[in-house]
Amino acid sequence: MHAGKTIQIFSPSGDPRGVRIAEITTRIVQAVVVPRARLEEAAHRAELCGVGMHYLFGESDAGGFTKTIHRNGRFRYGGICMGRRRS
């Protein structure tokens, strides 16, 4: 049987439908959920300036299917990482 884990979810703006940052409290892993409409707001988050995996979800042009794009590397919005780096 697996031991339970605590997942902490932080909403920087206080809006539960906005940007959300989740982490397992005993690990260094983070997940950042960014609604497409809040992409520019999220570009200023320091959490997105690190190296990581990025998944983009959307509908396919044919309709009816979910389109997924997976990338490794740094998050960039407008060609530059806009967030503040952690020291």
C-alpha atoms as a PDB file:
ATOM      1  CA  MET A   1       0.000   0.000   0.000  1.00  0.00           C
ATOM      2  CA  HIS A   2       1.298   3.486  -0.897  1.00  0.00           C
ATOM      3  CA  ALA A   3       1.737   6.211   1.702  1.00  0.00           C
ATOM      4  CA  GLY A   4      -0.410   9.329   1.381  1.00  0.00           C
ATOM      5  CA  LYS A   5       1.030  12.570   0.030  1.00  0.00           C
ATOM      6  CA  THR A   6       0.133  16.197   0.690  1.00  0.00           C
ATOM      7  CA  ILE A   7      -0.394  18.367  -2.385  1.00  0.00           C
ATOM      8  CA  GLN A   8      -0.296  22.105  -1.761  1.00  0.00           C
ATOM      9  CA  ILE A   9      -2.051  24.393  -4.284  1.00  0.00           C
ATOM     10  CA  PHE A  10      -1.325  28.132  -4.325  1.00  0.00           C
ATOM     11  CA  SER A  11      -3.415  30.636  -6.272  1.00  0.00           C
ATOM     12  CA  PRO A  12      -1.316  33.845  -6.575  1.00  0.00           C
ATOM     13  CA  SER A  13      -4.272  36.038  -7.561  1.00  0.00           C
ATOM     14  CA  GLY A  14      -6.768  34.357  -5.240  1.00  0.00           C
ATOM     15  CA  ASP A  15      -8.896  33.351  -8.255  1.00  0.00           C
ATOM     16  CA  PRO A  16      -9.395  29.556  -8.306  1.00  0.00           C
ATOM     17  CA  ARG A  17      -9.750  29.696 -12.108  1.00  0.00           C
ATOM     18  CA  GLY A  18      -6.555  31.708 -12.558  1.00  0.00           C
ATOM     19  CA  VAL A  19      -2.906  30.687 -12.395  1.00  0.00           C
ATOM     20  CA  ARG A  20      -2.358  27.842  -9.896  1.00  0.00           C
ATOM     21  CA  ILE A  21       0.910  26.449  -8.559  1.00  0.00           C
ATOM     22  CA  ALA A  22       0.829  22.937  -7.093  1.00  0.00           C
ATOM     23  CA  GLU A  23       3.558  21.004  -5.338  1.00  0.00           C
ATOM     24  CA  ILE A  24       4.015  17.861  -3.306  1.00  0.00           C
ATOM     25  CA  THR A  25       5.328  19.231  -0.025  1.00  0.00           C
ATOM     26  CA  THR A  26       8.042  16.583   0.365  1.00  0.00           C
ATOM     27  CA  ARG A  27       9.423  16.924  -3.193  1.00  0.00           C
ATOM     28  CA  ILE A  28      10.992  19.630  -5.355  1.00  0.00           C
ATOM     29  CA  VAL A  29       8.476  19.107  -8.160  1.00  0.00           C
ATOM     30  CA  GLN A  30       6.036  21.884  -9.090  1.00  0.00           C
ATOM     31  CA  ALA A  31       3.131  22.004 -11.514  1.00  0.00           C
ATOM     32  CA  VAL A  32       1.907  25.356 -12.782  1.00  0.00           C
ATOM     33  CA  VAL A  33      -1.536  25.546 -14.399  1.00  0.00           C
ATOM     34  CA  VAL A  34      -2.015  28.568 -16.645  1.00  0.00           C
ATOM     35  CA  PRO A  35      -5.334  29.247 -18.403  1.00  0.00           C
ATOM     36  CA  ARG A  36      -4.713  30.478 -21.954  1.00  0.00           C
ATOM     37  CA  ALA A  37      -6.411  33.810 -21.160  1.00  0.00           C
ATOM     38  CA  ARG A  38      -3.903  34.402 -18.323  1.00  0.00           C
ATOM     39  CA  LEU A  39      -0.722  33.579 -20.245  1.00  0.00           C
ATOM     40  CA  GLU A  40       0.639  37.139 -20.167  1.00  0.00           C
ATOM     41  CA  GLU A  41       0.004  37.393 -16.405  1.00  0.00           C
ATOM     42  CA  ALA A  42       1.774  34.056 -15.845  1.00  0.00           C
ATOM     43  CA  ALA A  43       4.825  35.156 -17.825  1.00  0.00           C
ATOM     44  CA  HIS A  44       5.824  37.335 -14.865  1.00  0.00           C
ATOM     45  CA  ARG A  45       5.920  34.392 -12.417  1.00  0.00           C
ATOM     46  CA  ALA A  46       9.409  33.346 -11.264  1.00  0.00           C
ATOM     47  CA  GLU A  47       8.260  29.693 -11.178  1.00  0.00           C
ATOM     48  CA  LEU A  48       8.113  29.659 -14.965  1.00  0.00           C
ATOM     49  CA  CYS A  49      11.690  30.841 -15.544  1.00  0.00           C
ATOM     50  CA  GLY A  50      13.233  27.524 -14.612  1.00  0.00           C
ATOM     51  CA  VAL A  51      13.921  24.612 -16.889  1.00  0.00           C
ATOM     52  CA  GLY A  52      11.024  22.175 -17.100  1.00  0.00           C
ATOM     53  CA  MET A  53       8.473  20.399 -19.235  1.00  0.00           C
ATOM     54  CA  HIS A  54       5.630  22.371 -20.773  1.00  0.00           C
ATOM     55  CA  TYR A  55       2.354  20.971 -22.071  1.00  0.00           C
ATOM     56  CA  LEU A  56      -0.039  23.002 -24.188  1.00  0.00           C
ATOM     57  CA  PHE A  57      -3.571  21.669 -24.636  1.00  0.00           C
ATOM     58  CA  GLY A  58      -6.119  22.730 -27.237  1.00  0.00           C
ATOM     59  CA  GLU A  59      -8.617  21.456 -29.779  1.00  0.00           C
ATOM     60  CA  SER A  60      -7.477  20.062 -33.103  1.00  0.00           C
ATOM     61  CA  ASP A  61      -8.409  21.827 -36.332  1.00  0.00           C
ATOM     62  CA  ALA A  62     -10.532  18.811 -37.306  1.00  0.00           C
ATOM     63  CA  GLY A  63     -12.483  19.132 -34.041  1.00  0.00           C
ATOM     64  CA  GLY A  64     -13.393  16.465 -31.551  1.00  0.00           C
ATOM     65  CA  PHE A  65      -9.798  15.706 -30.539  1.00  0.00           C
ATOM     66  CA  THR A  66      -7.542  17.247 -27.918  1.00  0.00           C
ATOM     67  CA  LYS A  67      -4.267  18.491 -29.339  1.00  0.00           C
ATOM     68  CA  THR A  68      -1.227  18.330 -27.032  1.00  0.00           C
ATOM     69  CA  ILE A  69       2.179  19.910 -27.539  1.00  0.00           C
ATOM     70  CA  HIS A  70       5.035  18.860 -25.248  1.00  0.00           C
ATOM     71  CA  ARG A  71       8.234  20.854 -24.906  1.00  0.00           C
ATOM     72  CA  ASN A  72      11.325  20.702 -22.704  1.00  0.00           C
ATOM     73  CA  GLY A  73      13.307  23.779 -21.751  1.00  0.00           C
ATOM     74  CA  ARG A  74      12.582  27.256 -20.451  1.00  0.00           C
ATOM     75  CA  PHE A  75       9.177  28.917 -20.655  1.00  0.00           C
ATOM     76  CA  ARG A  76       9.329  31.955 -22.900  1.00  0.00           C
ATOM     77  CA  TYR A  77       6.605  34.460 -23.683  1.00  0.00           C
ATOM     78  CA  GLY A  78       7.369  36.907 -26.460  1.00  0.00           C
ATOM     79  CA  GLY A  79      10.883  35.459 -26.825  1.00  0.00           C
ATOM     80  CA  ILE A  80      12.128  36.280 -23.315  1.00  0.00           C
ATOM     81  CA  CYS A  81      11.639  34.897 -19.833  1.00  0.00           C
ATOM     82  CA  MET A  82       9.894  37.726 -18.020  1.00  0.00           C
ATOM     83  CA  GLY A  83       9.737  36.319 -14.491  1.00  0.00           C
ATOM     84  CA  ARG A  84      12.137  37.102 -11.702  1.00  0.00           C
ATOM     85  CA  ARG A  85      14.680  34.344 -11.052  1.00  0.00           C
ATOM     86  CA  ARG A  86      15.047  32.910  -7.601  1.00  0.00           C
ATOM     87  CA  SER A  87      18.488  33.310  -6.052  1.00  0.00           C
END
